[in-house]
Amino acid sequence: MTTIPEDKLEGIISKGKELEKQLGQENTSEKFVELSKEYSEIQPLYNASMEWKESSIEIADLKNIIEDESSDNDMKDLASEELSVLEEKILKLSDEIKLLLLPRDKADSSDVILEIRAGTGGDEAALFAGDLYRMYQRFSDINGWKTEIISISDGDVGGFKEVIISIAGNGVFSKLKFESGVHRVQRVPTTESSGRVHTSAATVAVLPEPEDVDIQIEEKDIRVDVFRASGPGGQSVNTTDSAVRITHLPSGLVVTQQDEKSQHKNRAKAMKVLRARLYEEERFKQQQERAADRSSQVGSGDRSERVRTYNFPQGRVTDHRITLTLHKLDTILEGQDLNLLIEALNSEDKTKQLLEGKF
């Protein structure tokens, strides 16, 4: 495996020491907060690099003792024992540093817009979309994340034709980014009298919410239409024109929002979704441009890619990107063991980057 360039480690150590020096001298609270944030981001890598350097110096000293003809045998034996321990330690430190050096996805710390849409399978697909919504809702609760429903389109017999929610919290996108794609379910529908297993699908899209500096939308680039919100069957659910449809003219993207009674709130939610979709389009273009440099990755990131199958008769969940099968269907759908899949996907992605020497 590729070794870590020593000049890179020296650069990290110099940066860490410089930040420590600046923190000790800084008096203004605003600058101190800025430096503290920068230092906290580099600290794990800085500490590991310092430990690696100190261990390397000790290893060199021990080798000199072993090779020195004037050293007595007892001292050489003791040095050999210490050398074995330190060499094992430095290998572990090297692996840790390589992981810390992997390029971070700028969006990893972002909140997300999560979109779930029923696909093939009619009513059963809508019911499955509801199952996925509850899985992500429970997983969010377990992680202490805050969720908010942006819009919902109910299924005819339950579940959802479409549900869009925002999820806010620590590292949301870093955990959910590999959930995008087509999720399939294999089970006997409640409406099936012959007991045949049907296959249905729902599409999941995980969109990182951009910062203001990432996506700027000018008023001249959008057209806003307002209309009276309607419920199932076309009946009016409001007596005012509170529903909002925003068209982004350069891209042709259209977002409609009518869940709130306030036109102002509907417009704010629609703009939130539009910004996330534009940001995702920009990210996808960048990923495509980098694809030539990245020969292997966990999935394509394309939401049309089949990513996972939930098989009820066998009680299993299979992730097709890493060929991982877990017989924990119930606890995964409860959100409790979803992290087993998420951690495996993240681990596979990091492993592939390490093998390509991306650190």
Protein backbone atom coordinates (compact mmCIF):
# COMPACT_ATOMS: atom_id res chain seq x y z
CA MET A 1 0.00 0.00 0.00
CA THR A 2 1.17 3.56 -0.71
CA THR A 3 3.25 5.16 2.05
CA ILE A 4 2.53 8.62 3.43
CA PRO A 5 4.92 11.35 2.17
CA GLU A 6 6.88 12.66 5.16
CA ASP A 7 6.74 16.23 3.84
CA LYS A 8 2.93 16.03 4.01
CA LEU A 9 3.11 14.97 7.67
CA GLU A 10 5.61 17.74 8.45
CA GLY A 11 3.23 20.23 6.82
CA ILE A 12 0.38 19.03 9.03
CA ILE A 13 2.53 19.29 12.17
CA SER A 14 3.67 22.82 11.22
CA LYS A 15 0.05 23.86 10.61
CA GLY A 16 -1.05 22.46 13.97
CA LYS A 17 1.74 24.22 15.87
CA GLU A 18 1.01 27.50 14.10
CA LEU A 19 -2.69 27.29 15.03
CA GLU A 20 -1.79 26.55 18.66
CA LYS A 21 0.46 29.62 18.65
CA GLN A 22 -2.25 31.84 17.14
CA LEU A 23 -4.85 30.58 19.61
CA GLY A 24 -2.55 31.52 22.49
CA GLN A 25 -2.13 35.05 21.13
CA GLU A 26 -5.64 35.83 19.83
CA ASN A 27 -7.77 38.22 21.90
CA THR A 28 -10.85 38.87 19.76
CA SER A 29 -13.67 36.39 20.33
CA GLU A 30 -14.69 36.20 16.67
CA LYS A 31 -11.19 35.31 15.45
CA PHE A 32 -10.71 32.93 18.37
CA VAL A 33 -13.87 31.01 17.42
CA GLU A 34 -12.69 30.82 13.80
CA LEU A 35 -9.24 29.53 14.80
CA SER A 36 -10.75 27.07 17.30
CA LYS A 37 -12.96 25.60 14.59
CA GLU A 38 -10.00 25.24 12.22
CA TYR A 39 -7.88 23.66 14.96
CA SER A 40 -10.62 21.19 15.98
CA GLU A 41 -10.85 20.03 12.35
CA ILE A 42 -7.10 19.39 12.06
CA GLN A 43 -6.49 18.19 15.65
CA PRO A 44 -7.07 14.42 15.16
CA LEU A 45 -4.69 14.43 12.16
CA TYR A 46 -2.20 16.70 13.94
CA ASN A 47 -2.12 14.48 17.06
CA ALA A 48 -1.70 11.30 15.01
CA SER A 49 1.07 12.90 12.92
CA MET A 50 2.92 14.05 16.06
CA GLU A 51 2.67 10.54 17.53
CA TRP A 52 3.87 9.04 14.24
CA LYS A 53 6.90 11.38 14.17
CA GLU A 54 7.84 10.67 17.80
CA SER A 55 7.52 6.92 17.19
CA SER A 56 9.68 7.17 14.05
CA ILE A 57 12.44 8.92 16.02
CA GLU A 58 12.27 6.23 18.73
CA ILE A 59 12.46 3.48 16.08
CA ALA A 60 15.56 5.08 14.55
CA ASP A 61 17.20 5.28 18.00
CA LEU A 62 16.39 1.62 18.76
CA LYS A 63 17.80 0.49 15.41
CA ASN A 64 21.02 2.35 16.18
CA ILE A 65 21.29 0.52 19.51
CA ILE A 66 20.74 -2.87 17.84
CA GLU A 67 23.29 -2.14 15.09
CA ASP A 68 25.87 -0.67 17.48
CA GLU A 69 28.58 -3.27 18.11
CA SER A 70 29.38 -1.71 21.49
CA SER A 71 25.83 -2.38 22.82
CA ASP A 72 25.62 -5.42 25.11
CA ASN A 73 23.28 -8.29 24.28
CA ASP A 74 20.77 -7.52 27.04
CA MET A 75 20.37 -3.97 25.75
CA LYS A 76 19.99 -5.24 22.18
CA ASP A 77 17.33 -7.76 23.25
CA LEU A 78 15.40 -5.06 25.11
CA ALA A 79 15.67 -2.70 22.13
CA SER A 80 14.41 -5.45 19.79
CA GLU A 81 11.34 -6.01 21.96
CA GLU A 82 10.56 -2.29 22.06
CA LEU A 83 11.17 -2.05 18.32
CA SER A 84 8.57 -4.74 17.56
CA VAL A 85 5.97 -2.91 19.65
CA LEU A 86 6.72 0.46 18.05
CA GLU A 87 6.71 -0.93 14.50
CA GLU A 88 3.26 -2.39 15.08
CA LYS A 89 2.13 0.92 16.57
CA ILE A 90 3.43 2.95 13.63
CA LEU A 91 1.62 0.68 11.15
CA LYS A 92 -1.66 1.36 12.96
CA LEU A 93 -0.89 5.08 13.07
CA SER A 94 -0.16 5.07 9.33
CA ASP A 95 -3.55 3.48 8.60
CA GLU A 96 -5.26 6.00 10.88
CA ILE A 97 -3.48 8.93 9.20
CA LYS A 98 -4.35 7.67 5.71
CA LEU A 99 -8.04 7.60 6.67
CA LEU A 100 -7.80 11.10 8.14
CA LEU A 101 -6.05 12.35 4.99
CA LEU A 102 -8.80 11.15 2.64
CA PRO A 103 -10.41 14.13 0.89
CA ARG A 104 -13.54 15.15 2.75
CA ASP A 105 -16.76 15.68 0.88
CA LYS A 106 -17.58 19.33 1.40
CA ALA A 107 -21.22 18.39 1.88
CA ASP A 108 -20.60 15.76 4.60
CA SER A 109 -21.56 18.16 7.40
CA SER A 110 -24.66 19.38 5.55
CA ASP A 111 -28.29 18.88 6.50
CA VAL A 112 -30.32 17.10 3.83
CA ILE A 113 -33.54 17.10 1.86
CA LEU A 114 -34.74 13.48 1.68
CA GLU A 115 -37.16 12.62 -1.14
CA ILE A 116 -38.96 9.26 -1.32
CA ARG A 117 -41.16 8.42 -4.31
CA ALA A 118 -43.21 5.31 -5.00
CA GLY A 119 -42.04 3.58 -8.18
CA THR A 120 -43.24 0.45 -9.94
CA GLY A 121 -45.81 -1.58 -8.03
CA GLY A 122 -48.84 0.69 -7.63
CA ASP A 123 -50.37 0.69 -4.14
CA GLU A 124 -47.73 -1.70 -2.80
CA ALA A 125 -44.99 0.73 -3.91
CA ALA A 126 -46.71 3.55 -2.01
CA LEU A 127 -46.94 1.36 1.11
CA PHE A 128 -43.22 0.56 0.79
CA ALA A 129 -42.42 4.27 0.40
CA GLY A 130 -44.20 4.71 3.73
CA ASP A 131 -42.04 1.96 5.27
CA LEU A 132 -38.88 3.70 4.06
CA TYR A 133 -40.09 7.05 5.42
CA ARG A 134 -40.67 5.52 8.86
CA MET A 135 -37.24 3.81 8.72
CA TYR A 136 -35.45 7.12 8.08
CA GLN A 137 -37.63 8.93 10.62
CA ARG A 138 -36.73 6.42 13.33
CA PHE A 139 -33.06 6.44 12.33
CA SER A 140 -33.10 10.24 12.63
CA ASP A 141 -34.66 10.01 16.09
CA ILE A 142 -31.97 7.52 17.19
CA ASN A 143 -29.25 9.94 16.02
CA GLY A 144 -30.89 12.96 17.63
CA TRP A 145 -31.58 14.66 14.30
CA LYS A 146 -34.47 17.04 13.73
CA THR A 147 -36.91 16.23 10.92
CA GLU A 148 -39.52 18.39 9.25
CA ILE A 149 -42.04 17.35 6.62
CA ILE A 150 -41.85 19.58 3.56
CA SER A 151 -44.55 17.91 1.48
CA ILE A 152 -46.55 14.68 1.39
CA SER A 153 -48.71 13.03 -1.25
CA ASP A 154 -50.67 10.18 0.35
CA GLY A 155 -51.14 6.81 -1.33
CA ASP A 156 -54.64 5.60 -2.16
CA VAL A 157 -54.56 2.73 0.36
CA GLY A 158 -51.86 4.03 2.70
CA GLY A 159 -48.21 4.95 2.48
CA PHE A 160 -47.07 7.76 0.21
CA LYS A 161 -46.86 8.46 -3.48
CA GLU A 162 -44.22 11.01 -2.52
CA VAL A 163 -42.83 12.40 0.71
CA ILE A 164 -40.16 15.09 1.08
CA ILE A 165 -38.59 15.88 4.45
CA SER A 166 -35.67 17.91 5.73
CA ILE A 167 -33.27 16.34 8.24
CA ALA A 168 -30.97 18.54 10.32
CA GLY A 169 -28.21 17.47 12.67
CA ASN A 170 -24.59 16.52 13.04
CA GLY A 171 -23.12 14.81 9.95
CA VAL A 172 -26.48 13.93 8.38
CA PHE A 173 -25.29 13.83 4.76
CA SER A 174 -22.11 11.90 5.63
CA LYS A 175 -24.31 9.07 6.93
CA LEU A 176 -27.17 9.16 4.44
CA LYS A 177 -25.39 9.99 1.17
CA PHE A 178 -25.27 6.36 0.00
CA GLU A 179 -29.03 5.88 0.48
CA SER A 180 -29.87 7.44 -2.90
CA GLY A 181 -31.14 5.03 -5.53
CA VAL A 182 -33.86 2.46 -6.17
CA HIS A 183 -34.91 0.39 -3.15
CA ARG A 184 -36.86 -2.80 -3.97
CA VAL A 185 -39.22 -4.76 -1.77
CA GLN A 186 -40.21 -8.40 -2.24
CA ARG A 187 -43.24 -9.51 -0.23
CA VAL A 188 -46.83 -10.73 -0.43
CA PRO A 189 -49.10 -7.66 -0.62
CA THR A 190 -52.03 -7.54 1.79
CA THR A 191 -54.34 -7.40 -1.24
CA GLU A 192 -52.85 -10.59 -2.76
CA SER A 193 -55.21 -13.53 -2.16
CA SER A 194 -53.07 -16.23 -3.81
CA GLY A 195 -50.03 -15.56 -1.61
CA ARG A 196 -47.69 -14.68 -4.51
CA VAL A 197 -44.61 -12.60 -3.76
CA HIS A 198 -44.59 -9.28 -5.65
CA THR A 199 -41.65 -6.97 -6.33
CA SER A 200 -42.21 -3.24 -5.96
CA ALA A 201 -39.85 -0.28 -5.76
CA ALA A 202 -39.40 3.20 -4.38
CA THR A 203 -36.81 5.81 -5.25
CA VAL A 204 -34.80 7.62 -2.59
CA ALA A 205 -32.91 10.86 -3.23
CA VAL A 206 -30.65 12.40 -0.56
CA LEU A 207 -29.85 16.02 -1.39
CA PRO A 208 -27.39 18.01 0.74
CA GLU A 209 -28.69 21.43 1.68
CA PRO A 210 -26.34 24.07 0.27
CA GLU A 211 -24.92 27.04 2.12
CA ASP A 212 -25.91 30.47 0.82
CA VAL A 213 -22.51 30.81 -0.87
CA ASP A 214 -22.91 27.47 -2.68
CA ILE A 215 -26.09 28.23 -4.61
CA GLN A 216 -27.32 31.72 -5.37
CA ILE A 217 -30.68 32.09 -7.13
CA GLU A 218 -31.48 35.43 -8.69
CA GLU A 219 -35.06 36.64 -8.86
CA LYS A 220 -34.80 37.11 -12.63
CA ASP A 221 -34.07 33.38 -12.99
CA ILE A 222 -37.31 32.17 -11.41
CA ARG A 223 -41.01 32.38 -12.22
CA VAL A 224 -43.41 32.12 -9.30
CA ASP A 225 -47.01 31.05 -9.89
CA VAL A 226 -49.60 30.99 -7.11
CA PHE A 227 -52.83 28.99 -7.15
CA ARG A 228 -55.46 27.52 -4.85
CA ALA A 229 -54.27 24.36 -3.09
CA SER A 230 -56.25 21.20 -3.81
CA GLY A 231 -56.57 17.93 -1.93
CA PRO A 232 -57.47 14.38 -3.03
CA GLY A 233 -60.08 14.33 -5.77
CA GLY A 234 -59.37 17.93 -6.65
CA GLN A 235 -61.35 19.51 -3.81
CA SER A 236 -60.12 22.83 -2.54
CA VAL A 237 -58.30 22.75 0.79
CA ASN A 238 -57.92 26.51 1.04
CA THR A 239 -59.96 29.54 0.07
CA THR A 240 -56.91 31.63 -0.86
CA ASP A 241 -54.18 31.27 -3.46
CA SER A 242 -51.64 29.83 -1.03
CA ALA A 243 -50.05 27.10 -3.20
CA VAL A 244 -46.79 28.02 -4.93
CA ARG A 245 -45.08 26.70 -8.04
CA ILE A 246 -41.54 27.94 -8.71
CA THR A 247 -39.89 27.40 -12.10
CA HIS A 248 -36.13 27.86 -12.38
CA LEU A 249 -35.87 29.19 -15.91
CA PRO A 250 -32.20 28.35 -16.71
CA SER A 251 -32.53 24.68 -15.69
CA GLY A 252 -36.25 24.07 -16.21
CA LEU A 253 -36.58 22.63 -12.68
CA VAL A 254 -40.07 23.02 -11.21
CA VAL A 255 -40.99 22.77 -7.51
CA THR A 256 -44.57 22.88 -6.24
CA GLN A 257 -45.52 23.38 -2.60
CA GLN A 258 -49.04 23.51 -1.16
CA ASP A 259 -48.93 21.83 2.26
CA GLU A 260 -48.93 25.07 4.26
CA LYS A 261 -51.88 27.48 4.52
CA SER A 262 -49.49 30.40 4.19
CA GLN A 263 -48.25 31.36 0.72
CA HIS A 264 -45.10 32.76 2.34
CA LYS A 265 -44.32 29.44 4.08
CA ASN A 266 -45.01 27.46 0.89
CA ARG A 267 -42.65 29.71 -1.07
CA ALA A 268 -39.90 29.33 1.56
CA LYS A 269 -40.20 25.53 1.50
CA ALA A 270 -40.27 25.43 -2.30
CA MET A 271 -37.12 27.57 -2.49
CA LYS A 272 -35.42 25.28 0.02
CA VAL A 273 -36.12 22.24 -2.18
CA LEU A 274 -35.14 24.10 -5.37
CA ARG A 275 -31.80 25.14 -3.91
CA ALA A 276 -31.08 21.57 -2.82
CA ARG A 277 -31.95 20.16 -6.27
CA LEU A 278 -29.78 22.73 -8.06
CA TYR A 279 -26.91 21.99 -5.68
CA GLU A 280 -27.29 18.26 -6.31
CA GLU A 281 -27.21 18.84 -10.09
CA GLU A 282 -23.99 20.82 -9.71
CA ARG A 283 -22.47 18.13 -7.48
CA PHE A 284 -23.45 15.41 -9.97
CA LYS A 285 -21.73 17.29 -12.82
CA GLN A 286 -18.57 17.57 -10.73
CA GLN A 287 -18.72 13.87 -9.84
CA GLN A 288 -19.03 12.97 -13.52
CA GLU A 289 -15.98 15.12 -14.32
CA ARG A 290 -14.01 13.34 -11.58
CA ALA A 291 -15.20 9.88 -12.65
CA ALA A 292 -12.21 9.40 -14.93
CA ASP A 293 -9.89 9.92 -11.96
CA ARG A 294 -11.91 7.62 -9.71
CA SER A 295 -12.03 4.17 -11.28
CA SER A 296 -13.99 2.59 -8.44
CA GLN A 297 -16.57 3.91 -6.03
CA VAL A 298 -19.51 2.69 -3.99
CA GLY A 299 -22.32 2.92 -6.52
CA SER A 300 -22.77 5.53 -9.20
CA GLY A 301 -24.74 7.97 -7.07
CA ASP A 302 -27.42 7.84 -9.75
CA ARG A 303 -30.88 7.66 -8.22
CA SER A 304 -31.93 5.22 -10.98
CA GLU A 305 -29.37 2.66 -9.76
CA ARG A 306 -30.79 -0.37 -7.92
CA VAL A 307 -29.10 -0.21 -4.55
CA ARG A 308 -30.96 -2.42 -2.08
CA THR A 309 -33.55 -5.20 -1.82
CA TYR A 310 -35.76 -5.85 1.21
CA ASN A 311 -36.94 -9.48 1.06
CA PHE A 312 -39.74 -10.14 3.56
CA PRO A 313 -40.19 -13.94 3.07
CA GLN A 314 -36.49 -14.47 3.86
CA GLY A 315 -36.23 -11.66 6.43
CA ARG A 316 -33.16 -10.24 4.70
CA VAL A 317 -31.84 -6.97 3.32
CA THR A 318 -29.23 -7.04 0.54
CA ASP A 319 -27.15 -4.05 -0.54
CA HIS A 320 -26.15 -4.76 -4.14
CA ARG A 321 -23.27 -2.27 -4.29
CA ILE A 322 -21.21 -4.14 -1.70
CA THR A 323 -23.00 -7.53 -1.95
CA LEU A 324 -23.80 -7.41 1.76
CA THR A 325 -26.80 -9.39 3.05
CA LEU A 326 -28.11 -9.01 6.60
CA HIS A 327 -30.91 -11.15 8.02
CA LYS A 328 -32.12 -8.24 10.12
CA LEU A 329 -35.04 -6.96 8.06
CA ASP A 330 -37.25 -5.98 11.01
CA THR A 331 -34.59 -4.10 12.98
CA ILE A 332 -33.29 -2.35 9.84
CA LEU A 333 -36.79 -1.10 8.98
CA GLU A 334 -37.12 0.01 12.61
CA GLY A 335 -34.01 2.16 12.04
CA GLN A 336 -32.08 0.33 14.76
CA ASP A 337 -29.69 -1.63 12.51
CA LEU A 338 -29.70 0.65 9.47
CA ASN A 339 -26.33 1.92 10.68
CA LEU A 340 -24.82 -1.53 9.97
CA LEU A 341 -25.44 -0.95 6.25
CA ILE A 342 -24.40 2.71 6.39
CA GLU A 343 -21.10 1.96 8.16
CA ALA A 344 -20.32 -0.88 5.72
CA LEU A 345 -20.92 1.42 2.74
CA ASN A 346 -18.74 4.19 4.18
CA SER A 347 -16.01 1.70 5.06
CA GLU A 348 -16.03 0.26 1.53
CA ASP A 349 -15.81 3.73 0.02
CA LYS A 350 -12.82 4.66 2.21
CA THR A 351 -11.10 1.36 1.46
CA LYS A 352 -11.40 1.92 -2.29
CA GLN A 353 -10.03 5.44 -1.96
CA LEU A 354 -7.08 4.14 0.08
CA LEU A 355 -6.32 1.48 -2.54
CA GLU A 356 -6.28 4.21 -5.17
CA GLY A 357 -3.93 6.33 -3.04
CA LYS A 358 -6.40 9.21 -2.80
CA PHE A 359 -5.09 10.45 0.56
